[in-house]
Amino acid sequence: MKVPLLRWCYRATFPVIAGLVSPYYVHRLSKRGSPREGLSERMAFYARSTREAVGSGVDLWIHAVSVGEVLVALALLRELRRKSPELRVALTVTTITGRRVAMGAADSATIVLWSPVDFSGVVRRAFALLRPRALILVETEVWPNYLWEAKRRRVPVSLLNARLSPRTERWYRRFPEIFRPILRGLSLVLAQAPEDVDRLIGAGFPPEAIFVRGNLKYDVANLGSGGEGPPFSWWEGCGWPADALILLAGSTHPGEEEVMVDLYRESRHRHPKLRLVLAPRHVERSEEIRELCRKSGLCVVSRTELGKEMVQDAPPDVLLLDTTGELRFLYEKATLVFIGKSLRARGGQNFLEAAYAGKPILVGPNMQNFEMLVREFRRERAILQATDRAELGALLEELLTSEAMRSEFGKRARAVFAKNVGAAARAADDILGLLRAQAKVP
């Protein structure tokens, strides 16, 4: 399909599709904040204070979506600041939670904005404000109007930490006449692993633009290294013994807390020092999880209660993490870790922070979003993957019974992690090289 016709079709149909799916996204946004929050900025109508903060424009526009992509962007930004601290950066974020993370980590030379919706007029206004020398899209955020407007303005576009889900790859391969002309607008594609290259080329990405730089999610997990974590005085409020066996279930989704509670109840008779920490992916589910624990006959205390220094009648069986931002530090306290969205949901969650902490890691069968990571860790015997609940229980029992097994899997996980850190520094060199080349263009 010719690019002008493709552009016309997309610009005619996308607003219609966006209108049809908007009730679903409004419903999702309403769970985590006001769906109207940032509406003006999303349509690229900016307040005077924002226009003044942007001034004459930025060097880099980094576009992310939610928390995961924002953290990847921040890992890159940390390296960019080390190498070129004077860079002016705009970081645009789509979700409310992602924006909170970005705002908490932004520096004086970084402005955080809501991502403009991919309507041609909206994107044009955003470019007119930001006037970036280069645009960076994180992981899978390839939006046609972003690329077309960047090309019109001769702004190079990079795809950072590029990955393709099996579903996205199927779409790209099924409709090459639609996607290939769009993907050709990318100047630089930084792939995570060598095995990604053939898949990216087959999906229509420009071969000459693809370079393997490693997975920045390792650098995300390494973001807190060398710094101080949050104070853990509240942890003592649990009253758990120093030699307690802590099973931490991180980023759990509906149905998985019930499984972990059942496994805990089955195991604690054989392992009386066992304690359970539940860290749901969405803290707004905390009350239903608390009720689940109570109905199971377990004593539960929440992180916020301990933060208020409430006096416990007896040490709880379960600690419920009902805060955001602390899970990564809690891995240090764990004896072994289960990673959620892998047993009762699909896709999985990132387990690299647990690997950084050197903990034995358990996951379920559904780790589609981290397929290559799981493959690498399994190759090094650095992770345990169960096919179902029964196998998960058996693996948990093995780990609880054998301290040597726990130690060995933890050491291997840490070794795999240490071997792969550094992608952010390599990506920063590429981006700075792109900026230098752009500066030479008349």
Protein backbone atom coordinates (compact mmCIF):
# COMPACT_ATOMS: atom_id res chain seq x y z
CA MET A 1 0.00 0.00 0.00
CA LYS A 2 1.32 3.44 -0.91
CA VAL A 3 2.24 5.56 2.11
CA PRO A 4 -0.13 8.48 1.30
CA LEU A 5 -3.08 6.09 1.00
CA LEU A 6 -2.01 4.23 4.16
CA ARG A 7 -1.73 7.52 6.02
CA TRP A 8 -5.18 8.61 4.85
CA CYS A 9 -6.77 5.28 5.87
CA TYR A 10 -5.14 5.30 9.31
CA ARG A 11 -6.07 8.88 10.03
CA ALA A 12 -9.66 8.22 8.98
CA THR A 13 -10.15 4.98 10.91
CA PHE A 14 -8.09 5.40 14.09
CA PRO A 15 -10.33 8.10 15.64
CA VAL A 16 -13.34 5.85 15.06
CA ILE A 17 -11.62 2.87 16.69
CA ALA A 18 -10.41 5.06 19.56
CA GLY A 19 -13.95 6.24 20.14
CA LEU A 20 -15.29 2.69 20.25
CA VAL A 21 -12.72 1.42 22.78
CA SER A 22 -12.65 4.58 24.90
CA PRO A 23 -15.31 3.37 27.41
CA TYR A 24 -13.10 0.39 28.25
CA TYR A 25 -10.05 2.59 28.87
CA VAL A 26 -12.08 5.14 30.83
CA HIS A 27 -13.24 2.28 33.06
CA ARG A 28 -9.65 1.10 33.58
CA LEU A 29 -8.38 4.61 34.30
CA SER A 30 -11.18 5.24 36.80
CA LYS A 31 -9.83 2.39 38.95
CA ARG A 32 -6.51 4.16 39.44
CA GLY A 33 -7.48 7.83 39.30
CA SER A 34 -9.60 10.29 37.39
CA PRO A 35 -10.03 9.40 33.69
CA ARG A 36 -10.01 13.14 33.00
CA GLU A 37 -6.58 13.60 34.53
CA GLY A 38 -4.24 15.16 31.98
CA LEU A 39 -6.92 15.23 29.28
CA SER A 40 -5.77 18.60 27.89
CA GLU A 41 -2.15 17.45 27.64
CA ARG A 42 -3.19 14.17 26.04
CA MET A 43 -4.78 16.31 23.31
CA ALA A 44 -1.60 18.46 23.20
CA PHE A 45 -3.19 21.59 24.64
CA TYR A 46 -0.51 22.77 27.04
CA ALA A 47 -0.65 25.20 29.95
CA ARG A 48 1.46 28.35 29.81
CA SER A 49 3.68 27.00 32.62
CA THR A 50 4.37 23.89 30.55
CA ARG A 51 5.22 25.89 27.45
CA GLU A 52 7.56 28.06 29.50
CA ALA A 53 9.22 24.98 31.04
CA VAL A 54 9.85 23.48 27.61
CA GLY A 55 11.19 26.77 26.30
CA SER A 56 12.97 26.50 22.96
CA GLY A 57 12.61 22.70 22.84
CA VAL A 58 14.32 19.52 24.02
CA ASP A 59 17.14 17.33 22.82
CA LEU A 60 15.28 14.07 23.40
CA TRP A 61 11.64 13.12 23.51
CA ILE A 62 11.26 9.71 25.22
CA HIS A 63 7.81 8.14 24.92
CA ALA A 64 6.82 5.41 27.40
CA VAL A 65 3.49 3.92 28.46
CA SER A 66 3.22 2.45 31.92
CA VAL A 67 5.48 1.65 34.85
CA GLY A 68 7.57 -1.00 33.09
CA GLU A 69 8.39 1.17 30.09
CA VAL A 70 8.96 4.22 32.28
CA LEU A 71 11.53 2.32 34.33
CA VAL A 72 13.32 1.29 31.12
CA ALA A 73 13.34 4.95 30.08
CA LEU A 74 14.74 5.96 33.47
CA ALA A 75 17.52 3.38 33.21
CA LEU A 76 18.53 4.90 29.88
CA LEU A 77 18.18 8.41 31.27
CA ARG A 78 20.52 7.63 34.15
CA GLU A 79 23.24 6.62 31.69
CA LEU A 80 22.56 9.62 29.45
CA ARG A 81 22.93 11.94 32.43
CA ARG A 82 26.29 10.37 33.31
CA LYS A 83 27.59 10.91 29.81
CA SER A 84 25.86 14.17 28.87
CA PRO A 85 24.23 15.85 31.91
CA GLU A 86 23.18 18.96 29.99
CA LEU A 87 20.65 17.12 27.78
CA ARG A 88 17.12 18.50 27.82
CA VAL A 89 14.62 15.64 27.92
CA ALA A 90 10.83 15.34 27.67
CA LEU A 91 9.39 12.07 29.00
CA THR A 92 5.80 11.40 27.96
CA VAL A 93 3.79 8.79 29.85
CA THR A 94 0.38 7.24 29.16
CA THR A 95 -0.83 5.70 32.43
CA ILE A 96 -1.47 7.30 35.82
CA THR A 97 0.81 4.88 37.67
CA GLY A 98 3.54 5.34 35.08
CA ARG A 99 3.33 9.10 35.47
CA ARG A 100 3.69 8.83 39.24
CA VAL A 101 6.87 6.81 38.84
CA ALA A 102 8.23 9.25 36.26
CA MET A 103 7.44 12.31 38.38
CA GLY A 104 9.14 10.75 41.39
CA ALA A 105 12.38 10.20 39.47
CA ALA A 106 12.50 13.23 37.18
CA ASP A 107 15.40 15.67 37.47
CA SER A 108 15.55 19.40 36.78
CA ALA A 109 16.45 18.87 33.11
CA THR A 110 13.58 16.42 32.48
CA ILE A 111 9.99 17.47 31.98
CA VAL A 112 7.25 14.83 32.40
CA LEU A 113 4.13 15.17 30.24
CA TRP A 114 1.12 13.08 29.31
CA SER A 115 1.56 11.21 26.03
CA PRO A 116 -0.31 12.81 23.14
CA VAL A 117 -3.00 10.65 21.55
CA ASP A 118 -1.95 9.45 18.08
CA PHE A 119 -4.22 11.80 16.14
CA SER A 120 -2.40 13.72 13.43
CA GLY A 121 -3.30 17.20 14.72
CA VAL A 122 -2.50 16.26 18.31
CA VAL A 123 0.89 14.80 17.44
CA ARG A 124 1.68 17.83 15.27
CA ARG A 125 1.01 20.17 18.20
CA ALA A 126 3.19 18.05 20.51
CA PHE A 127 6.09 18.16 18.06
CA ALA A 128 5.61 21.89 17.64
CA LEU A 129 5.99 22.38 21.39
CA LEU A 130 8.83 19.94 22.09
CA ARG A 131 10.86 20.39 18.87
CA PRO A 132 12.98 17.33 19.69
CA ARG A 133 16.26 16.53 17.99
CA ALA A 134 15.44 12.82 18.37
CA LEU A 135 12.46 10.70 19.43
CA ILE A 136 12.82 7.47 21.43
CA LEU A 137 9.96 4.96 21.62
CA VAL A 138 10.19 2.34 24.37
CA GLU A 139 9.75 -1.38 23.59
CA THR A 140 6.58 -1.71 21.47
CA GLU A 141 5.24 1.83 21.16
CA VAL A 142 5.28 2.24 17.38
CA TRP A 143 2.60 4.83 16.58
CA PRO A 144 2.17 5.80 12.91
CA ASN A 145 1.51 9.52 13.33
CA TYR A 146 4.52 9.86 15.61
CA LEU A 147 6.72 8.33 12.91
CA TRP A 148 5.17 10.26 10.02
CA GLU A 149 5.44 13.60 11.79
CA ALA A 150 9.01 12.83 12.85
CA LYS A 151 9.91 12.04 9.24
CA ARG A 152 8.29 15.26 8.05
CA ARG A 153 10.43 17.18 10.53
CA ARG A 154 13.54 15.06 9.80
CA VAL A 155 13.68 13.85 13.41
CA PRO A 156 15.32 10.39 13.79
CA VAL A 157 13.24 7.82 15.69
CA SER A 158 14.73 5.02 17.82
CA LEU A 159 12.99 1.99 19.28
CA LEU A 160 14.53 1.20 22.66
CA ASN A 161 14.66 -2.33 24.12
CA ALA A 162 12.66 -3.56 21.15
CA ARG A 163 10.54 -6.64 21.68
CA LEU A 164 7.70 -8.37 19.88
CA SER A 165 5.00 -10.31 21.63
CA PRO A 166 3.85 -13.36 19.66
CA ARG A 167 0.51 -11.63 19.05
CA THR A 168 2.12 -8.45 17.70
CA GLU A 169 4.49 -10.43 15.51
CA ARG A 170 1.56 -12.33 13.97
CA TRP A 171 -0.19 -9.07 13.13
CA TYR A 172 2.92 -7.58 11.56
CA ARG A 173 3.52 -10.68 9.43
CA ARG A 174 -0.13 -11.00 8.43
CA PHE A 175 -0.40 -7.47 7.08
CA PRO A 176 3.07 -6.57 5.76
CA GLU A 177 1.69 -4.09 3.22
CA ILE A 178 0.36 -2.04 6.16
CA PHE A 179 3.12 -2.33 8.73
CA ARG A 180 6.32 -2.37 6.68
CA PRO A 181 5.91 1.19 5.33
CA ILE A 182 5.34 2.41 8.91
CA LEU A 183 8.26 0.50 10.43
CA ARG A 184 10.63 1.84 7.78
CA GLY A 185 10.36 5.17 9.58
CA LEU A 186 12.60 3.87 12.37
CA SER A 187 16.23 5.05 12.25
CA LEU A 188 17.51 2.81 15.05
CA VAL A 189 16.12 -0.41 16.55
CA LEU A 190 17.93 -1.64 19.67
CA ALA A 191 17.09 -5.32 20.08
CA GLN A 192 17.35 -7.26 23.31
CA ALA A 193 18.98 -10.46 22.06
CA PRO A 194 20.42 -12.01 18.85
CA GLU A 195 17.40 -14.28 18.48
CA ASP A 196 15.22 -11.15 18.22
CA VAL A 197 16.86 -10.00 15.01
CA ASP A 198 15.32 -12.52 12.59
CA ARG A 199 11.90 -12.02 14.16
CA LEU A 200 12.14 -8.25 13.86
CA ILE A 201 13.27 -8.45 10.23
CA GLY A 202 10.54 -10.95 9.40
CA ALA A 203 7.98 -8.63 10.98
CA GLY A 204 9.08 -5.78 8.71
CA PHE A 205 11.58 -3.78 10.75
CA PRO A 206 14.42 -2.27 8.65
CA PRO A 207 17.39 -4.71 8.85
CA GLU A 208 20.01 -1.97 8.52
CA ALA A 209 18.66 -0.21 11.62
CA ILE A 210 18.70 -3.23 13.99
CA PHE A 211 21.47 -3.61 16.57
CA VAL A 212 21.62 -6.00 19.54
CA ARG A 213 22.31 -4.14 22.77
CA GLY A 214 20.89 -6.40 25.50
CA ASN A 215 17.85 -6.17 27.72
CA LEU A 216 17.51 -2.91 29.65
CA LYS A 217 15.26 -4.59 32.19
CA TYR A 218 18.45 -5.85 33.85
CA ASP A 219 19.52 -2.24 34.26
CA VAL A 220 16.07 -1.36 35.59
CA ALA A 221 16.50 -3.94 38.35
CA ASN A 222 19.94 -2.48 38.96
CA LEU A 223 18.64 1.10 39.30
CA GLY A 224 18.66 1.00 43.09
CA SER A 225 22.14 -0.46 43.46
CA GLY A 226 24.55 1.72 45.33
CA GLY A 227 21.74 3.80 46.78
CA GLU A 228 19.75 3.64 49.99
CA GLY A 229 16.53 1.73 50.05
CA PRO A 230 13.52 2.74 52.13
CA PRO A 231 13.79 2.45 55.93
CA PHE A 232 12.72 -0.97 57.16
CA SER A 233 12.05 -0.17 60.78
CA TRP A 234 8.43 -1.16 60.15
CA TRP A 235 9.52 -4.69 59.24
CA GLU A 236 10.38 -5.40 62.88
CA GLY A 237 6.73 -4.81 63.69
CA CYS A 238 5.90 -8.18 62.19
CA GLY A 239 7.60 -9.85 65.14
CA TRP A 240 8.91 -12.62 62.91
CA PRO A 241 12.05 -14.45 64.09
CA ALA A 242 15.34 -13.73 62.35
CA ASP A 243 15.47 -17.29 61.03
CA ALA A 244 11.95 -17.25 59.58
CA LEU A 245 11.46 -18.72 56.11
CA ILE A 246 9.87 -15.89 54.10
CA LEU A 247 7.84 -16.89 51.04
CA LEU A 248 7.28 -13.72 49.03
CA ALA A 249 4.59 -13.82 46.35
CA GLY A 250 5.24 -10.74 44.21
CA SER A 251 3.01 -8.98 41.66
CA THR A 252 0.19 -11.48 42.11
CA HIS A 253 -3.05 -11.39 40.13
CA PRO A 254 -6.58 -12.61 41.00
CA GLY A 255 -6.64 -16.31 41.91
CA GLU A 256 -2.94 -16.51 42.70
CA GLU A 257 -3.27 -15.22 46.26
CA GLU A 258 -5.72 -18.03 46.95
CA VAL A 259 -3.21 -20.59 45.63
CA MET A 260 -0.39 -19.11 47.71
CA VAL A 261 -2.52 -19.06 50.86
CA ASP A 262 -3.48 -22.72 50.32
CA LEU A 263 0.15 -23.73 49.72
CA TYR A 264 1.23 -21.81 52.80
CA ARG A 265 -1.37 -23.55 54.96
CA GLU A 266 -0.30 -26.93 53.60
CA SER A 267 3.40 -26.24 54.17
CA ARG A 268 3.55 -24.49 57.54
CA HIS A 269 2.84 -27.68 59.49
CA ARG A 270 6.04 -29.18 58.07
CA HIS A 271 7.89 -25.86 58.23
CA PRO A 272 6.69 -23.96 61.31
CA LYS A 273 9.10 -21.06 60.65
CA LEU A 274 7.41 -20.33 57.32
CA ARG A 275 5.78 -16.91 56.84
CA LEU A 276 3.98 -15.48 53.80
CA VAL A 277 4.23 -12.05 52.16
CA LEU A 278 1.58 -11.20 49.56
CA ALA A 279 2.34 -8.30 47.21
CA PRO A 280 -0.55 -7.88 44.72
CA ARG A 281 0.20 -6.20 41.40
CA HIS A 282 -2.65 -3.75 42.04
CA VAL A 283 -2.86 -2.48 45.60
CA GLU A 284 -6.53 -1.58 45.24
CA ARG A 285 -7.21 -5.32 45.64
CA SER A 286 -5.73 -5.31 49.15
CA GLU A 287 -9.02 -5.48 51.01
CA GLU A 288 -10.29 -8.54 49.13
CA ILE A 289 -6.94 -10.28 49.76
CA ARG A 290 -7.12 -9.43 53.46
CA GLU A 291 -10.60 -10.97 53.58
CA LEU A 292 -9.31 -14.10 51.82
CA CYS A 293 -6.63 -14.54 54.47
CA ARG A 294 -9.08 -14.07 57.31
CA LYS A 295 -11.53 -16.60 55.86
CA SER A 296 -8.61 -19.04 55.63
CA GLY A 297 -7.99 -18.66 59.35
CA LEU A 298 -4.78 -16.69 58.96
CA CYS A 299 -3.68 -13.65 60.90
CA VAL A 300 -2.83 -10.88 58.42
CA VAL A 301 -1.28 -7.46 58.85
CA SER A 302 -0.80 -4.83 56.17
CA ARG A 303 2.31 -2.79 55.47
CA THR A 304 0.44 0.47 56.15
CA GLU A 305 -0.64 -0.80 59.56
CA LEU A 306 2.95 -1.58 60.48
CA GLY A 307 3.93 1.85 59.21
CA LYS A 308 1.63 3.32 61.85
CA GLU A 309 3.48 1.27 64.48
CA MET A 310 0.34 -0.57 65.53
CA VAL A 311 0.85 -3.08 68.34
CA GLN A 312 0.19 -6.64 67.22
CA ASP A 313 -1.41 -9.09 69.65
CA ALA A 314 0.63 -11.87 68.04
CA PRO A 315 3.02 -12.16 65.10
CA PRO A 316 0.95 -12.42 61.91
CA ASP A 317 1.02 -15.35 59.51
CA VAL A 318 0.77 -13.07 56.48
CA LEU A 319 2.14 -9.64 55.61
CA LEU A 320 0.11 -7.84 52.94
CA LEU A 321 2.09 -5.27 50.98
CA ASP A 322 -0.50 -2.57 50.27
CA THR A 323 1.95 0.11 49.12
CA THR A 324 3.67 0.80 45.80
CA GLY A 325 7.38 1.10 45.20
CA GLU A 326 8.61 -1.13 48.04
CA LEU A 327 8.40 -4.60 46.51
CA ARG A 328 11.82 -4.39 44.90
CA PHE A 329 13.41 -3.80 48.30
CA LEU A 330 11.41 -6.55 50.00
CA TYR A 331 13.08 -9.20 47.83
CA GLU A 332 16.12 -8.80 50.09
CA LYS A 333 14.01 -9.99 53.01
CA ALA A 334 12.70 -13.08 51.20
CA THR A 335 13.92 -16.64 51.48
CA LEU A 336 12.28 -17.65 48.21
CA VAL A 337 10.09 -15.86 45.68
CA PHE A 338 7.04 -16.64 43.56
CA ILE A 339 6.39 -14.27 40.64
CA GLY A 340 2.74 -13.59 39.84
CA LYS A 341 0.66 -13.30 36.68
CA SER A 342 2.21 -16.62 35.73
CA LEU A 343 -0.21 -19.15 37.23
CA ARG A 344 -3.77 -17.80 37.04
CA ALA A 345 -3.15 -15.11 34.42
CA ARG A 346 -1.11 -14.79 31.23
CA GLY A 347 2.06 -12.89 30.46
CA GLY A 348 4.01 -13.05 33.69
CA GLN A 349 5.79 -10.29 35.59
CA ASN A 350 9.41 -9.21 35.71
CA PHE A 351 11.50 -11.40 38.03
CA LEU A 352 14.86 -9.67 37.58
CA GLU A 353 14.71 -7.75 40.86
CA ALA A 354 14.47 -11.09 42.67
CA ALA A 355 17.44 -12.33 40.63
CA TYR A 356 19.40 -9.20 41.57
CA ALA A 357 18.72 -10.05 45.21
CA GLY A 358 20.04 -13.58 44.60
CA LYS A 359 16.86 -15.40 45.58
CA PRO A 360 15.50 -18.73 44.33
CA ILE A 361 12.64 -17.91 41.95
CA LEU A 362 9.44 -19.84 41.21
CA VAL A 363 7.14 -19.02 38.29
CA GLY A 364 4.10 -20.62 36.73
CA PRO A 365 3.66 -21.72 33.10
CA ASN A 366 2.44 -18.38 31.73
CA MET A 367 5.53 -16.22 31.26
CA GLN A 368 4.86 -15.22 27.65
CA ASN A 369 6.00 -11.61 28.08
CA PHE A 370 9.36 -12.79 29.44
CA GLU A 371 9.83 -15.87 27.31
CA MET A 372 13.47 -15.21 26.38
CA LEU A 373 14.42 -14.27 29.92
CA VAL A 374 12.89 -17.46 31.28
CA ARG A 375 14.63 -19.47 28.58
CA GLU A 376 18.01 -18.01 29.52
CA PHE A 377 17.49 -18.56 33.25
CA ARG A 378 16.28 -22.11 32.70
CA ARG A 379 19.30 -22.83 30.52
CA GLU A 380 21.50 -21.81 33.46
CA ARG A 381 19.26 -23.65 35.96
CA ALA A 382 18.61 -20.33 37.67
CA ILE A 383 14.80 -20.45 37.86
CA LEU A 384 12.13 -23.05 38.61
CA GLN A 385 9.05 -23.08 36.36
CA ALA A 386 5.98 -25.10 37.31
CA THR A 387 3.44 -26.33 34.78
CA ASP A 388 0.51 -26.18 37.23
CA ARG A 389 -0.46 -25.71 40.86
CA ALA A 390 0.49 -29.25 41.87
CA GLU A 391 4.00 -28.93 40.48
CA LEU A 392 4.34 -25.50 42.04
CA GLY A 393 3.55 -27.05 45.43
CA ALA A 394 6.11 -29.81 44.88
CA LEU A 395 8.85 -27.36 43.89
CA LEU A 396 8.02 -25.16 46.85
CA GLU A 397 8.38 -28.13 49.18
CA GLU A 398 11.77 -29.01 47.68
CA LEU A 399 13.05 -25.50 48.23
CA LEU A 400 11.71 -25.26 51.77
CA THR A 401 13.29 -28.59 52.66
CA SER A 402 16.74 -27.95 51.15
CA GLU A 403 18.76 -24.90 52.17
CA ALA A 404 21.50 -26.03 49.75
CA MET A 405 19.02 -26.01 46.86
CA ARG A 406 17.83 -22.53 47.79
CA SER A 407 21.39 -21.27 47.97
CA GLU A 408 22.37 -22.78 44.63
CA PHE A 409 19.40 -21.41 42.70
CA GLY A 410 19.87 -18.00 44.29
CA LYS A 411 23.55 -17.89 43.34
CA ARG A 412 22.80 -18.89 39.76
CA ALA A 413 20.07 -16.26 39.44
CA ARG A 414 22.44 -13.56 40.68
CA ALA A 415 25.19 -14.74 38.30
CA VAL A 416 22.89 -14.58 35.25
CA PHE A 417 21.78 -11.12 36.31
CA ALA A 418 25.33 -9.80 36.78
CA LYS A 419 26.35 -11.13 33.36
CA ASN A 420 23.65 -9.13 31.57
CA VAL A 421 23.81 -5.67 33.15
CA GLY A 422 25.05 -2.89 30.86
CA ALA A 423 22.51 -2.57 28.05
CA ALA A 424 21.52 0.94 29.17
CA ALA A 425 25.09 2.25 28.80
CA ARG A 426 25.38 0.76 25.31
CA ALA A 427 22.01 2.22 24.31
CA ALA A 428 23.02 5.64 25.67
CA ASP A 429 26.12 5.60 23.45
CA ASP A 430 23.93 4.84 20.43
CA ILE A 431 21.48 7.64 21.24
CA LEU A 432 24.25 10.19 21.80
CA GLY A 433 25.85 9.11 18.52
CA LEU A 434 22.53 9.69 16.79
CA LEU A 435 22.30 13.18 18.30
CA ARG A 436 25.84 14.01 17.19
CA ALA A 437 25.04 12.84 13.66
CA GLN A 438 21.82 14.86 13.70
CA ALA A 439 23.74 17.98 14.71
CA LYS A 440 25.84 17.67 11.54
CA VAL A 441 22.80 17.57 9.28
CA PRO A 442 22.20 21.00 7.71
